[in-house]
Amino acid sequence: MLAELAKSALEFLKLAPRYLISVALIAGVLLFFPSAWLAHIGVDNFAVANRQWLGLTFLVCASLWCVSAVASCWDWVAGKFFQRRVRQHIAHKLSSLTEGEKQILRYYFAKDTRANTLKIDDGVVQGLVANRIIYRSASMGNILDGFAHNITDVAWDYICANPEVLLGTTNTYRTDKRERGW
């Protein structure tokens, strides 16, 4: 009996916040509406007989919903701060690129494309991936031809707004895609 009650309580706690607020609203109506209004819908006797359980249900559901709402707001704010830090990190890295990194990024800019084929065993490529400037966008590929790598939106926007970051000792760009002659 106690195990079943505990199991039911855990299942109740797993309810989505929209259900918790619905239960809290129903319990609140039964608790706080005038008896005459409750008599019109035939629940006045139920509300009087179960007032302590309705109060407990209201408090628990309202509290859980408030905690859920605060947690959602916190997650949103923390996500915005994280995105801001990532943007700042990418901008800092883009302003201090090596010539090899610039050659890879020049391909995206010169071809006006968001995709490039690059080898995953290359340290320069993996450095750009680690700094969230590009990312491997496909799991299909091979060691000889490479894998598809896309430029992130933040890096693309920054390079388009500041193309001078790609100026270097050369004006070449790099792709590892091999041309097929057949």
C-alpha atoms as a PDB file:
ATOM      1  CA  MET A   1       0.000   0.000   0.000  1.00  0.00           C
ATOM      2  CA  LEU A   2       2.758   2.449   0.964  1.00  0.00           C
ATOM      3  CA  ALA A   3       4.816   1.445  -2.081  1.00  0.00           C
ATOM      4  CA  GLU A   4       1.843   2.135  -4.356  1.00  0.00           C
ATOM      5  CA  LEU A   5       1.317   5.537  -2.735  1.00  0.00           C
ATOM      6  CA  ALA A   6       4.982   6.417  -3.222  1.00  0.00           C
ATOM      7  CA  LYS A   7       4.821   5.265  -6.835  1.00  0.00           C
ATOM      8  CA  SER A   8       1.720   7.404  -7.436  1.00  0.00           C
ATOM      9  CA  ALA A   9       3.414  10.411  -5.834  1.00  0.00           C
ATOM     10  CA  LEU A  10       6.458   9.985  -8.098  1.00  0.00           C
ATOM     11  CA  GLU A  11       4.264   9.713 -11.184  1.00  0.00           C
ATOM     12  CA  PHE A  12       2.461  12.886 -10.101  1.00  0.00           C
ATOM     13  CA  LEU A  13       5.795  14.731  -9.790  1.00  0.00           C
ATOM     14  CA  LYS A  14       6.667  13.730 -13.366  1.00  0.00           C
ATOM     15  CA  LEU A  15       3.655  15.588 -14.753  1.00  0.00           C
ATOM     16  CA  ALA A  16       4.362  18.362 -17.192  1.00  0.00           C
ATOM     17  CA  PRO A  17       3.984  21.895 -15.795  1.00  0.00           C
ATOM     18  CA  ARG A  18       0.895  22.555 -17.903  1.00  0.00           C
ATOM     19  CA  TYR A  19      -0.873  19.696 -16.102  1.00  0.00           C
ATOM     20  CA  LEU A  20       0.290  20.924 -12.712  1.00  0.00           C
ATOM     21  CA  ILE A  21      -1.120  24.384 -13.317  1.00  0.00           C
ATOM     22  CA  SER A  22      -4.392  22.834 -14.498  1.00  0.00           C
ATOM     23  CA  VAL A  23      -4.708  20.768 -11.317  1.00  0.00           C
ATOM     24  CA  ALA A  24      -3.776  23.821  -9.213  1.00  0.00           C
ATOM     25  CA  LEU A  25      -6.427  25.919 -10.970  1.00  0.00           C
ATOM     26  CA  ILE A  26      -9.125  23.300 -10.403  1.00  0.00           C
ATOM     27  CA  ALA A  27      -8.162  22.927  -6.740  1.00  0.00           C
ATOM     28  CA  GLY A  28      -8.071  26.727  -6.414  1.00  0.00           C
ATOM     29  CA  VAL A  29     -11.547  27.070  -7.886  1.00  0.00           C
ATOM     30  CA  LEU A  30     -12.898  24.468  -5.458  1.00  0.00           C
ATOM     31  CA  LEU A  31     -11.180  26.208  -2.551  1.00  0.00           C
ATOM     32  CA  PHE A  32     -11.769  29.891  -3.244  1.00  0.00           C
ATOM     33  CA  PHE A  33     -14.974  30.240  -5.263  1.00  0.00           C
ATOM     34  CA  PRO A  34     -18.158  31.086  -3.329  1.00  0.00           C
ATOM     35  CA  SER A  35     -20.279  28.134  -2.270  1.00  0.00           C
ATOM     36  CA  ALA A  36     -23.219  29.422  -4.316  1.00  0.00           C
ATOM     37  CA  TRP A  37     -21.163  29.186  -7.520  1.00  0.00           C
ATOM     38  CA  LEU A  38     -19.917  25.711  -6.614  1.00  0.00           C
ATOM     39  CA  ALA A  39     -23.515  24.644  -5.888  1.00  0.00           C
ATOM     40  CA  HIS A  40     -24.482  25.595  -9.461  1.00  0.00           C
ATOM     41  CA  ILE A  41     -22.108  22.982 -10.826  1.00  0.00           C
ATOM     42  CA  GLY A  42     -22.824  20.485  -8.043  1.00  0.00           C
ATOM     43  CA  VAL A  43     -19.418  20.330  -6.359  1.00  0.00           C
ATOM     44  CA  ASP A  44     -20.086  22.343  -3.186  1.00  0.00           C
ATOM     45  CA  ASN A  45     -20.452  19.250  -0.957  1.00  0.00           C
ATOM     46  CA  PHE A  46     -17.283  17.732  -2.446  1.00  0.00           C
ATOM     47  CA  ALA A  47     -15.348  20.976  -1.876  1.00  0.00           C
ATOM     48  CA  VAL A  48     -16.456  21.210   1.784  1.00  0.00           C
ATOM     49  CA  ALA A  49     -15.808  17.510   2.537  1.00  0.00           C
ATOM     50  CA  ASN A  50     -12.323  17.485   0.958  1.00  0.00           C
ATOM     51  CA  ARG A  51     -11.097  20.994   1.769  1.00  0.00           C
ATOM     52  CA  GLN A  52      -7.825  19.858   3.412  1.00  0.00           C
ATOM     53  CA  TRP A  53      -6.912  17.641   0.421  1.00  0.00           C
ATOM     54  CA  LEU A  54      -7.819  20.359  -2.049  1.00  0.00           C
ATOM     55  CA  GLY A  55      -5.633  22.802  -0.106  1.00  0.00           C
ATOM     56  CA  LEU A  56      -2.732  20.371  -0.090  1.00  0.00           C
ATOM     57  CA  THR A  57      -3.178  19.661  -3.789  1.00  0.00           C
ATOM     58  CA  PHE A  58      -3.312  23.371  -4.563  1.00  0.00           C
ATOM     59  CA  LEU A  59      -0.141  24.118  -2.586  1.00  0.00           C
ATOM     60  CA  VAL A  60       1.850  21.209  -4.015  1.00  0.00           C
ATOM     61  CA  CYS A  61       0.822  21.813  -7.632  1.00  0.00           C
ATOM     62  CA  ALA A  62       1.278  25.577  -7.458  1.00  0.00           C
ATOM     63  CA  SER A  63       4.689  25.157  -5.801  1.00  0.00           C
ATOM     64  CA  LEU A  64       5.868  22.592  -8.347  1.00  0.00           C
ATOM     65  CA  TRP A  65       4.666  24.774 -11.207  1.00  0.00           C
ATOM     66  CA  CYS A  66       6.464  27.811  -9.757  1.00  0.00           C
ATOM     67  CA  VAL A  67       9.680  25.810  -9.392  1.00  0.00           C
ATOM     68  CA  SER A  68       9.304  24.584 -12.963  1.00  0.00           C
ATOM     69  CA  ALA A  69       8.717  28.123 -14.238  1.00  0.00           C
ATOM     70  CA  VAL A  70      11.748  29.487 -12.365  1.00  0.00           C
ATOM     71  CA  ALA A  71      13.903  26.593 -13.631  1.00  0.00           C
ATOM     72  CA  SER A  72      12.779  27.242 -17.215  1.00  0.00           C
ATOM     73  CA  CYS A  73      13.592  30.945 -16.879  1.00  0.00           C
ATOM     74  CA  TRP A  74      16.967  30.088 -15.370  1.00  0.00           C
ATOM     75  CA  ASP A  75      17.747  27.689 -18.223  1.00  0.00           C
ATOM     76  CA  TRP A  76      16.790  30.353 -20.767  1.00  0.00           C
ATOM     77  CA  VAL A  77      18.979  33.014 -19.123  1.00  0.00           C
ATOM     78  CA  ALA A  78      21.896  30.589 -18.729  1.00  0.00           C
ATOM     79  CA  GLY A  79      21.517  29.589 -22.386  1.00  0.00           C
ATOM     80  CA  LYS A  80      21.644  33.221 -23.482  1.00  0.00           C
ATOM     81  CA  PHE A  81      24.808  33.814 -21.428  1.00  0.00           C
ATOM     82  CA  PHE A  82      26.374  30.674 -22.887  1.00  0.00           C
ATOM     83  CA  GLN A  83      25.514  31.757 -26.442  1.00  0.00           C
ATOM     84  CA  ARG A  84      27.022  35.176 -25.752  1.00  0.00           C
ATOM     85  CA  ARG A  85      30.229  33.616 -24.423  1.00  0.00           C
ATOM     86  CA  VAL A  86      30.441  31.336 -27.468  1.00  0.00           C
ATOM     87  CA  ARG A  87      29.966  34.316 -29.824  1.00  0.00           C
ATOM     88  CA  GLN A  88      32.695  36.244 -28.009  1.00  0.00           C
ATOM     89  CA  HIS A  89      35.007  33.229 -28.087  1.00  0.00           C
ATOM     90  CA  ILE A  90      34.465  32.738 -31.827  1.00  0.00           C
ATOM     91  CA  ALA A  91      35.023  36.448 -32.529  1.00  0.00           C
ATOM     92  CA  HIS A  92      38.260  36.350 -30.535  1.00  0.00           C
ATOM     93  CA  LYS A  93      39.476  33.239 -32.366  1.00  0.00           C
ATOM     94  CA  LEU A  94      38.537  34.659 -35.767  1.00  0.00           C
ATOM     95  CA  SER A  95      40.586  37.765 -35.080  1.00  0.00           C
ATOM     96  CA  SER A  96      43.703  35.674 -34.385  1.00  0.00           C
ATOM     97  CA  LEU A  97      43.676  32.985 -37.099  1.00  0.00           C
ATOM     98  CA  THR A  98      46.734  31.217 -38.476  1.00  0.00           C
ATOM     99  CA  GLU A  99      47.317  31.194 -42.227  1.00  0.00           C
ATOM    100  CA  GLY A 100      46.178  27.554 -42.463  1.00  0.00           C
ATOM    101  CA  GLU A 101      42.921  28.366 -40.715  1.00  0.00           C
ATOM    102  CA  LYS A 102      42.390  31.386 -42.942  1.00  0.00           C
ATOM    103  CA  GLN A 103      42.850  29.232 -46.058  1.00  0.00           C
ATOM    104  CA  ILE A 104      40.093  26.867 -44.920  1.00  0.00           C
ATOM    105  CA  LEU A 105      37.741  29.724 -44.069  1.00  0.00           C
ATOM    106  CA  ARG A 106      38.512  31.572 -47.310  1.00  0.00           C
ATOM    107  CA  TYR A 107      36.940  28.660 -49.195  1.00  0.00           C
ATOM    108  CA  TYR A 108      33.574  29.294 -47.569  1.00  0.00           C
ATOM    109  CA  PHE A 109      33.799  33.026 -48.245  1.00  0.00           C
ATOM    110  CA  ALA A 110      35.205  32.762 -51.812  1.00  0.00           C
ATOM    111  CA  LYS A 111      32.679  30.142 -52.941  1.00  0.00           C
ATOM    112  CA  ASP A 112      29.819  31.780 -50.998  1.00  0.00           C
ATOM    113  CA  THR A 113      28.935  28.414 -49.529  1.00  0.00           C
ATOM    114  CA  ARG A 114      28.343  27.065 -46.068  1.00  0.00           C
ATOM    115  CA  ALA A 115      29.899  23.630 -46.769  1.00  0.00           C
ATOM    116  CA  ASN A 116      33.402  22.350 -47.444  1.00  0.00           C
ATOM    117  CA  THR A 117      34.937  18.881 -47.580  1.00  0.00           C
ATOM    118  CA  LEU A 118      37.842  18.542 -45.177  1.00  0.00           C
ATOM    119  CA  LYS A 119      39.894  15.706 -43.726  1.00  0.00           C
ATOM    120  CA  ILE A 120      39.139  14.905 -40.117  1.00  0.00           C
ATOM    121  CA  ASP A 121      42.704  13.800 -39.341  1.00  0.00           C
ATOM    122  CA  ASP A 122      44.001  17.340 -39.898  1.00  0.00           C
ATOM    123  CA  GLY A 123      44.923  19.324 -36.793  1.00  0.00           C
ATOM    124  CA  VAL A 124      43.963  22.661 -38.347  1.00  0.00           C
ATOM    125  CA  VAL A 125      40.483  21.348 -39.171  1.00  0.00           C
ATOM    126  CA  GLN A 126      40.062  19.902 -35.689  1.00  0.00           C
ATOM    127  CA  GLY A 127      41.207  23.201 -34.153  1.00  0.00           C
ATOM    128  CA  LEU A 128      38.468  25.051 -36.029  1.00  0.00           C
ATOM    129  CA  VAL A 129      35.966  22.395 -34.918  1.00  0.00           C
ATOM    130  CA  ALA A 130      37.109  22.637 -31.290  1.00  0.00           C
ATOM    131  CA  ASN A 131      36.678  26.421 -31.386  1.00  0.00           C
ATOM    132  CA  ARG A 132      33.132  26.073 -32.785  1.00  0.00           C
ATOM    133  CA  ILE A 133      33.989  27.866 -36.000  1.00  0.00           C
ATOM    134  CA  ILE A 134      33.147  24.879 -38.216  1.00  0.00           C
ATOM    135  CA  TYR A 135      31.512  21.546 -37.473  1.00  0.00           C
ATOM    136  CA  ARG A 136      31.353  18.164 -39.153  1.00  0.00           C
ATOM    137  CA  SER A 137      27.927  18.125 -40.730  1.00  0.00           C
ATOM    138  CA  ALA A 138      27.862  14.589 -42.123  1.00  0.00           C
ATOM    139  CA  SER A 139      28.888  11.252 -40.739  1.00  0.00           C
ATOM    140  CA  MET A 140      29.346   9.849 -44.232  1.00  0.00           C
ATOM    141  CA  GLY A 141      32.771  10.360 -45.733  1.00  0.00           C
ATOM    142  CA  ASN A 142      36.163   8.738 -45.783  1.00  0.00           C
ATOM    143  CA  ILE A 143      39.775   9.368 -44.911  1.00  0.00           C
ATOM    144  CA  LEU A 144      40.814  10.058 -48.510  1.00  0.00           C
ATOM    145  CA  ASP A 145      38.024  12.413 -49.587  1.00  0.00           C
ATOM    146  CA  GLY A 146      37.228  13.877 -46.202  1.00  0.00           C
ATOM    147  CA  PHE A 147      33.953  14.727 -44.529  1.00  0.00           C
ATOM    148  CA  ALA A 148      31.538  17.590 -45.017  1.00  0.00           C
ATOM    149  CA  HIS A 149      32.179  20.481 -42.633  1.00  0.00           C
ATOM    150  CA  ASN A 150      29.857  23.460 -42.377  1.00  0.00           C
ATOM    151  CA  ILE A 151      30.678  26.870 -41.002  1.00  0.00           C
ATOM    152  CA  THR A 152      28.663  27.941 -37.956  1.00  0.00           C
ATOM    153  CA  ASP A 153      26.182  30.786 -38.252  1.00  0.00           C
ATOM    154  CA  VAL A 154      28.123  32.915 -35.774  1.00  0.00           C
ATOM    155  CA  ALA A 155      31.408  32.484 -37.667  1.00  0.00           C
ATOM    156  CA  TRP A 156      29.724  33.079 -41.040  1.00  0.00           C
ATOM    157  CA  ASP A 157      28.075  36.291 -39.853  1.00  0.00           C
ATOM    158  CA  TYR A 158      31.315  37.537 -38.289  1.00  0.00           C
ATOM    159  CA  ILE A 159      33.369  36.821 -41.426  1.00  0.00           C
ATOM    160  CA  CYS A 160      30.768  38.465 -43.674  1.00  0.00           C
ATOM    161  CA  ALA A 161      30.798  41.548 -41.448  1.00  0.00           C
ATOM    162  CA  ASN A 162      34.616  41.536 -41.089  1.00  0.00           C
ATOM    163  CA  PRO A 163      36.169  39.967 -44.206  1.00  0.00           C
ATOM    164  CA  GLU A 164      39.532  41.502 -43.288  1.00  0.00           C
ATOM    165  CA  VAL A 165      40.057  38.664 -40.787  1.00  0.00           C
ATOM    166  CA  LEU A 166      40.776  36.413 -43.790  1.00  0.00           C
ATOM    167  CA  LEU A 167      43.602  38.597 -45.099  1.00  0.00           C
ATOM    168  CA  GLY A 168      46.959  36.859 -44.754  1.00  0.00           C
ATOM    169  CA  THR A 169      50.235  36.030 -46.416  1.00  0.00           C
ATOM    170  CA  THR A 170      48.491  34.207 -49.270  1.00  0.00           C
ATOM    171  CA  ASN A 171      45.197  34.552 -51.063  1.00  0.00           C
ATOM    172  CA  THR A 172      44.561  30.825 -51.577  1.00  0.00           C
ATOM    173  CA  TYR A 173      41.758  28.781 -50.164  1.00  0.00           C
ATOM    174  CA  ARG A 174      41.616  25.137 -49.212  1.00  0.00           C
ATOM    175  CA  THR A 175      39.315  22.203 -49.716  1.00  0.00           C
ATOM    176  CA  ASP A 176      40.239  18.556 -49.398  1.00  0.00           C
ATOM    177  CA  LYS A 177      37.653  17.364 -51.881  1.00  0.00           C
ATOM    178  CA  ARG A 178      39.307  15.409 -54.661  1.00  0.00           C
ATOM    179  CA  GLU A 179      38.137  15.941 -58.203  1.00  0.00           C
ATOM    180  CA  ARG A 180      36.936  12.768 -59.892  1.00  0.00           C
ATOM    181  CA  GLY A 181      38.143  12.294 -63.448  1.00  0.00           C
ATOM    182  CA  TRP A 182      35.692   9.616 -64.494  1.00  0.00           C
END
